[in-house]
C-alpha atoms as a PDB file:
ATOM      1  CA  MET A   1      55.041 -10.365 -92.812  1.00  0.00           C
ATOM      2  CA  LEU A   2      58.434 -11.939 -92.182  1.00  0.00           C
ATOM      3  CA  GLY A   3      61.576 -10.105 -93.172  1.00  0.00           C
ATOM      4  CA  VAL A   4      63.996 -11.658 -95.644  1.00  0.00           C
ATOM      5  CA  SER A   5      66.357 -12.943 -92.959  1.00  0.00           C
ATOM      6  CA  GLU A   6      63.625 -14.172 -90.608  1.00  0.00           C
ATOM      7  CA  THR A   7      62.168 -17.680 -90.839  1.00  0.00           C
ATOM      8  CA  PRO A   8      59.444 -19.184 -88.709  1.00  0.00           C
ATOM      9  CA  PHE A   9      61.259 -22.527 -88.726  1.00  0.00           C
ATOM     10  CA  LEU A  10      64.700 -24.128 -88.538  1.00  0.00           C
ATOM     11  CA  VAL A  11      65.947 -27.161 -90.472  1.00  0.00           C
ATOM     12  CA  ARG A  12      68.613 -29.428 -89.040  1.00  0.00           C
ATOM     13  CA  GLU A  13      69.974 -32.901 -89.365  1.00  0.00           C
ATOM     14  CA  ALA A  14      68.109 -35.210 -86.986  1.00  0.00           C
ATOM     15  CA  VAL A  15      70.868 -36.685 -84.840  1.00  0.00           C
ATOM     16  CA  SER A  16      69.248 -37.424 -81.487  1.00  0.00           C
ATOM     17  CA  ASP A  17      66.721 -40.134 -80.695  1.00  0.00           C
ATOM     18  CA  GLU A  18      64.236 -37.353 -79.918  1.00  0.00           C
ATOM     19  CA  ASP A  19      64.816 -35.758 -83.346  1.00  0.00           C
ATOM     20  CA  ARG A  20      64.320 -39.076 -85.131  1.00  0.00           C
ATOM     21  CA  ALA A  21      61.147 -39.755 -83.145  1.00  0.00           C
ATOM     22  CA  ALA A  22      59.854 -36.344 -84.287  1.00  0.00           C
ATOM     23  CA  CYS A  23      60.681 -37.249 -87.907  1.00  0.00           C
ATOM     24  CA  PHE A  24      58.785 -40.521 -87.609  1.00  0.00           C
ATOM     25  CA  ALA A  25      55.823 -38.766 -85.967  1.00  0.00           C
ATOM     26  CA  VAL A  26      55.522 -36.331 -88.905  1.00  0.00           C
ATOM     27  CA  ARG A  27      55.745 -39.229 -91.358  1.00  0.00           C
ATOM     28  CA  LYS A  28      53.027 -41.087 -89.465  1.00  0.00           C
ATOM     29  CA  GLU A  29      50.793 -37.994 -89.493  1.00  0.00           C
ATOM     30  CA  VAL A  30      51.243 -37.337 -93.219  1.00  0.00           C
ATOM     31  CA  PHE A  31      51.700 -40.735 -94.835  1.00  0.00           C
ATOM     32  CA  VAL A  32      49.824 -43.101 -92.519  1.00  0.00           C
ATOM     33  CA  ALA A  33      46.993 -40.968 -91.111  1.00  0.00           C
ATOM     34  CA  GLU A  34      46.474 -38.509 -93.981  1.00  0.00           C
ATOM     35  CA  GLN A  35      47.364 -40.561 -97.080  1.00  0.00           C
ATOM     36  CA  GLY A  36      46.470 -44.036 -95.844  1.00  0.00           C
ATOM     37  CA  VAL A  37      49.870 -45.680 -96.312  1.00  0.00           C
ATOM     38  CA  ALA A  38      50.112 -48.883 -94.283  1.00  0.00           C
ATOM     39  CA  GLU A  39      52.293 -48.259 -91.240  1.00  0.00           C
ATOM     40  CA  GLU A  40      54.223 -51.497 -91.763  1.00  0.00           C
ATOM     41  CA  ILE A  41      55.559 -50.240 -95.110  1.00  0.00           C
ATOM     42  CA  GLU A  42      56.151 -46.619 -94.081  1.00  0.00           C
ATOM     43  CA  TYR A  43      59.160 -47.492 -91.940  1.00  0.00           C
ATOM     44  CA  ASP A  44      61.821 -49.650 -93.548  1.00  0.00           C
ATOM     45  CA  GLU A  45      65.301 -51.087 -93.181  1.00  0.00           C
ATOM     46  CA  TYR A  46      66.806 -47.930 -94.711  1.00  0.00           C
ATOM     47  CA  ASP A  47      65.717 -45.687 -91.824  1.00  0.00           C
ATOM     48  CA  ALA A  48      68.583 -46.888 -89.617  1.00  0.00           C
ATOM     49  CA  SER A  49      71.330 -45.727 -92.005  1.00  0.00           C
ATOM     50  CA  ALA A  50      69.591 -42.725 -93.607  1.00  0.00           C
ATOM     51  CA  VAL A  51      70.394 -39.088 -92.941  1.00  0.00           C
ATOM     52  CA  HIS A  52      67.151 -37.632 -91.599  1.00  0.00           C
ATOM     53  CA  VAL A  53      66.441 -33.901 -91.643  1.00  0.00           C
ATOM     54  CA  LEU A  54      63.888 -32.202 -89.446  1.00  0.00           C
ATOM     55  CA  ALA A  55      62.139 -28.837 -89.699  1.00  0.00           C
ATOM     56  CA  VAL A  56      60.957 -27.375 -86.406  1.00  0.00           C
ATOM     57  CA  ARG A  57      59.040 -24.247 -85.510  1.00  0.00           C
ATOM     58  CA  ALA A  58      61.618 -21.692 -84.358  1.00  0.00           C
ATOM     59  CA  GLU A  59      59.649 -20.439 -81.373  1.00  0.00           C
ATOM     60  CA  ASP A  60      58.997 -23.772 -79.649  1.00  0.00           C
ATOM     61  CA  GLY A  61      60.665 -26.652 -81.516  1.00  0.00           C
ATOM     62  CA  VAL A  62      57.440 -28.297 -82.684  1.00  0.00           C
ATOM     63  CA  ALA A  63      58.172 -30.644 -85.614  1.00  0.00           C
ATOM     64  CA  LEU A  64      56.868 -29.321 -88.946  1.00  0.00           C
ATOM     65  CA  GLY A  65      58.437 -31.566 -91.551  1.00  0.00           C
ATOM     66  CA  THR A  66      61.013 -34.181 -92.373  1.00  0.00           C
ATOM     67  CA  GLY A  67      62.816 -35.974 -95.166  1.00  0.00           C
ATOM     68  CA  ARG A  68      65.655 -38.432 -95.554  1.00  0.00           C
ATOM     69  CA  LEU A  69      68.685 -39.068 -97.718  1.00  0.00           C
ATOM     70  CA  LEU A  70      69.876 -42.546 -98.610  1.00  0.00           C
ATOM     71  CA  PHE A  71      73.458 -42.896 -99.811  1.00  0.00           C
ATOM     72  CA  GLY A  72      76.185 -45.508 -99.937  1.00  0.00           C
ATOM     73  CA  ASP A  73      74.821 -49.045-100.194  1.00  0.00           C
ATOM     74  CA  ALA A  74      71.273 -47.866 -99.440  1.00  0.00           C
ATOM     75  CA  GLY A  75      71.471 -45.174-102.118  1.00  0.00           C
ATOM     76  CA  LEU A  76      72.902 -47.660-104.599  1.00  0.00           C
ATOM     77  CA  ALA A  77      70.030 -50.040-103.870  1.00  0.00           C
ATOM     78  CA  LYS A  78      67.512 -47.267-104.603  1.00  0.00           C
ATOM     79  CA  THR A  79      69.193 -45.468-107.533  1.00  0.00           C
ATOM     80  CA  GLY A  80      71.511 -48.036-109.095  1.00  0.00           C
ATOM     81  CA  ASP A  81      74.364 -45.504-108.940  1.00  0.00           C
ATOM     82  CA  ALA A  82      76.610 -45.050-105.891  1.00  0.00           C
ATOM     83  CA  SER A  83      77.221 -41.388-106.795  1.00  0.00           C
ATOM     84  CA  VAL A  84      73.500 -40.573-106.627  1.00  0.00           C
ATOM     85  CA  GLY A  85      71.608 -40.112-103.373  1.00  0.00           C
ATOM     86  CA  SER A  86      67.954 -40.902-102.862  1.00  0.00           C
ATOM     87  CA  LEU A  87      65.691 -38.265-101.329  1.00  0.00           C
ATOM     88  CA  GLY A  88      62.619 -39.764 -99.732  1.00  0.00           C
ATOM     89  CA  ARG A  89      59.930 -39.647 -97.112  1.00  0.00           C
ATOM     90  CA  LEU A  90      59.559 -35.879 -97.543  1.00  0.00           C
ATOM     91  CA  ALA A  91      56.598 -34.874 -95.392  1.00  0.00           C
ATOM     92  CA  VAL A  92      55.288 -31.538 -94.160  1.00  0.00           C
ATOM     93  CA  ALA A  93      52.590 -31.334 -91.496  1.00  0.00           C
ATOM     94  CA  LYS A  94      49.339 -29.946 -92.864  1.00  0.00           C
ATOM     95  CA  ALA A  95      49.484 -26.887 -90.575  1.00  0.00           C
ATOM     96  CA  ALA A  96      52.956 -25.978 -91.926  1.00  0.00           C
ATOM     97  CA  ARG A  97      52.240 -26.199 -95.653  1.00  0.00           C
ATOM     98  CA  GLY A  98      52.796 -23.040 -97.649  1.00  0.00           C
ATOM     99  CA  LEU A  99      55.551 -21.738 -95.360  1.00  0.00           C
ATOM    100  CA  GLY A 100      58.475 -22.952 -97.489  1.00  0.00           C
ATOM    101  CA  VAL A 101      59.235 -25.920 -95.226  1.00  0.00           C
ATOM    102  CA  GLY A 102      59.276 -28.422 -98.097  1.00  0.00           C
ATOM    103  CA  ILE A 103      61.683 -26.301-100.128  1.00  0.00           C
ATOM    104  CA  ALA A 104      63.996 -25.883 -97.127  1.00  0.00           C
ATOM    105  CA  LEU A 105      63.949 -29.636 -96.460  1.00  0.00           C
ATOM    106  CA  VAL A 106      64.803 -30.489-100.074  1.00  0.00           C
ATOM    107  CA  ARG A 107      67.677 -27.985-100.090  1.00  0.00           C
ATOM    108  CA  ALA A 108      68.982 -29.346 -96.766  1.00  0.00           C
ATOM    109  CA  ILE A 109      68.928 -32.890 -98.140  1.00  0.00           C
ATOM    110  CA  GLU A 110      70.783 -31.702-101.250  1.00  0.00           C
ATOM    111  CA  GLU A 111      73.405 -30.066 -99.008  1.00  0.00           C
ATOM    112  CA  CYS A 112      73.790 -33.343 -97.098  1.00  0.00           C
ATOM    113  CA  ALA A 113      74.218 -35.163-100.425  1.00  0.00           C
ATOM    114  CA  ALA A 114      76.826 -32.691-101.696  1.00  0.00           C
ATOM    115  CA  ALA A 115      78.718 -32.893 -98.390  1.00  0.00           C
ATOM    116  CA  ARG A 116      78.958 -36.655 -98.915  1.00  0.00           C
ATOM    117  CA  GLY A 117      80.364 -36.210-102.425  1.00  0.00           C
ATOM    118  CA  LEU A 118      77.226 -37.242-104.300  1.00  0.00           C
ATOM    119  CA  SER A 119      76.729 -35.864-107.804  1.00  0.00           C
ATOM    120  CA  ALA A 120      72.925 -35.977-107.992  1.00  0.00           C
ATOM    121  CA  VAL A 121      69.771 -36.597-106.007  1.00  0.00           C
ATOM    122  CA  ASP A 122      67.048 -38.950-107.199  1.00  0.00           C
ATOM    123  CA  LEU A 123      63.516 -39.234-105.820  1.00  0.00           C
ATOM    124  CA  HIS A 124      60.151 -40.850-106.422  1.00  0.00           C
ATOM    125  CA  ALA A 125      57.616 -38.019-106.455  1.00  0.00           C
ATOM    126  CA  GLN A 126      53.913 -38.416-105.928  1.00  0.00           C
ATOM    127  CA  THR A 127      52.514 -37.193-109.240  1.00  0.00           C
ATOM    128  CA  HIS A 128      50.590 -34.337-107.624  1.00  0.00           C
ATOM    129  CA  ALA A 129      53.980 -32.993-106.410  1.00  0.00           C
ATOM    130  CA  LEU A 130      55.786 -33.051-109.779  1.00  0.00           C
ATOM    131  CA  GLY A 131      55.465 -29.287-110.230  1.00  0.00           C
ATOM    132  CA  PHE A 132      56.929 -28.637-106.771  1.00  0.00           C
ATOM    133  CA  TYR A 133      60.064 -30.644-107.581  1.00  0.00           C
ATOM    134  CA  GLU A 134      60.320 -29.250-111.133  1.00  0.00           C
ATOM    135  CA  ARG A 135      60.457 -25.730-109.666  1.00  0.00           C
ATOM    136  CA  LEU A 136      63.432 -26.930-107.599  1.00  0.00           C
ATOM    137  CA  GLY A 137      65.305 -28.169-110.676  1.00  0.00           C
ATOM    138  CA  TYR A 138      64.280 -31.837-110.760  1.00  0.00           C
ATOM    139  CA  GLU A 139      63.490 -33.532-114.058  1.00  0.00           C
ATOM    140  CA  ALA A 140      61.003 -36.371-114.367  1.00  0.00           C
ATOM    141  CA  TYR A 141      62.000 -39.600-116.076  1.00  0.00           C
ATOM    142  CA  GLY A 142      60.400 -42.944-116.779  1.00  0.00           C
ATOM    143  CA  PRO A 143      56.756 -43.963-116.655  1.00  0.00           C
ATOM    144  CA  GLU A 144      54.326 -43.384-113.832  1.00  0.00           C
ATOM    145  CA  PHE A 145      54.200 -46.212-111.277  1.00  0.00           C
ATOM    146  CA  LEU A 146      52.346 -47.038-108.079  1.00  0.00           C
ATOM    147  CA  ASP A 147      54.073 -46.987-104.704  1.00  0.00           C
ATOM    148  CA  ALA A 148      51.874 -47.765-101.685  1.00  0.00           C
ATOM    149  CA  GLY A 149      48.924 -47.413-104.074  1.00  0.00           C
ATOM    150  CA  ILE A 150      49.867 -43.783-104.915  1.00  0.00           C
ATOM    151  CA  PRO A 151      50.969 -42.719-108.444  1.00  0.00           C
ATOM    152  CA  HIS A 152      54.651 -41.659-108.603  1.00  0.00           C
ATOM    153  CA  ARG A 153      57.317 -40.686-111.145  1.00  0.00           C
ATOM    154  CA  GLY A 154      61.076 -40.843-110.883  1.00  0.00           C
ATOM    155  CA  MET A 155      62.865 -37.476-110.791  1.00  0.00           C
ATOM    156  CA  ARG A 156      66.500 -36.425-110.592  1.00  0.00           C
ATOM    157  CA  ARG A 157      68.531 -33.253-110.076  1.00  0.00           C
ATOM    158  CA  VAL A 158      72.226 -33.016-110.800  1.00  0.00           C
ATOM    159  CA  LEU A 159      73.854 -31.097-107.957  1.00  0.00           C
ATOM    160  CA  GLY A 160      75.664 -27.895-108.795  1.00  0.00           C
ATOM    161  CA  GLU A 161      73.376 -27.064-111.715  1.00  0.00           C
END
């Protein structure tokens, strides 16, 4: 069992081309291969300006998960409010699920949002993941909708609460 201060993974902002490639590889594994999302819609025009975060296994740097934050014009386009960031493309490799990687990625994205002066984080959660985000302080709003053929709901968390 791991001690309180020990973690089997590290989370960092993906700044190098290699880091971003690892993020995209995890997304391809989870969304395209596992969930059947068409590859041509998985990657979009927002990827270039997004803040990407990457979780890697501490012992060898193998990519375990990823997520992204949209802010500024991209965030405004997604949320309708320039002070609200958009968390998206959160993906954890099947072998890493249950280790707390998803929680760490969400918290890292929230830290990135707060560091950029954003007041809240919005996301579109797959409905099976609503409970996960609710446990992290997100509140669902609006009706269920389909995105890439998968049921979703909008959710938001005000930062600092």
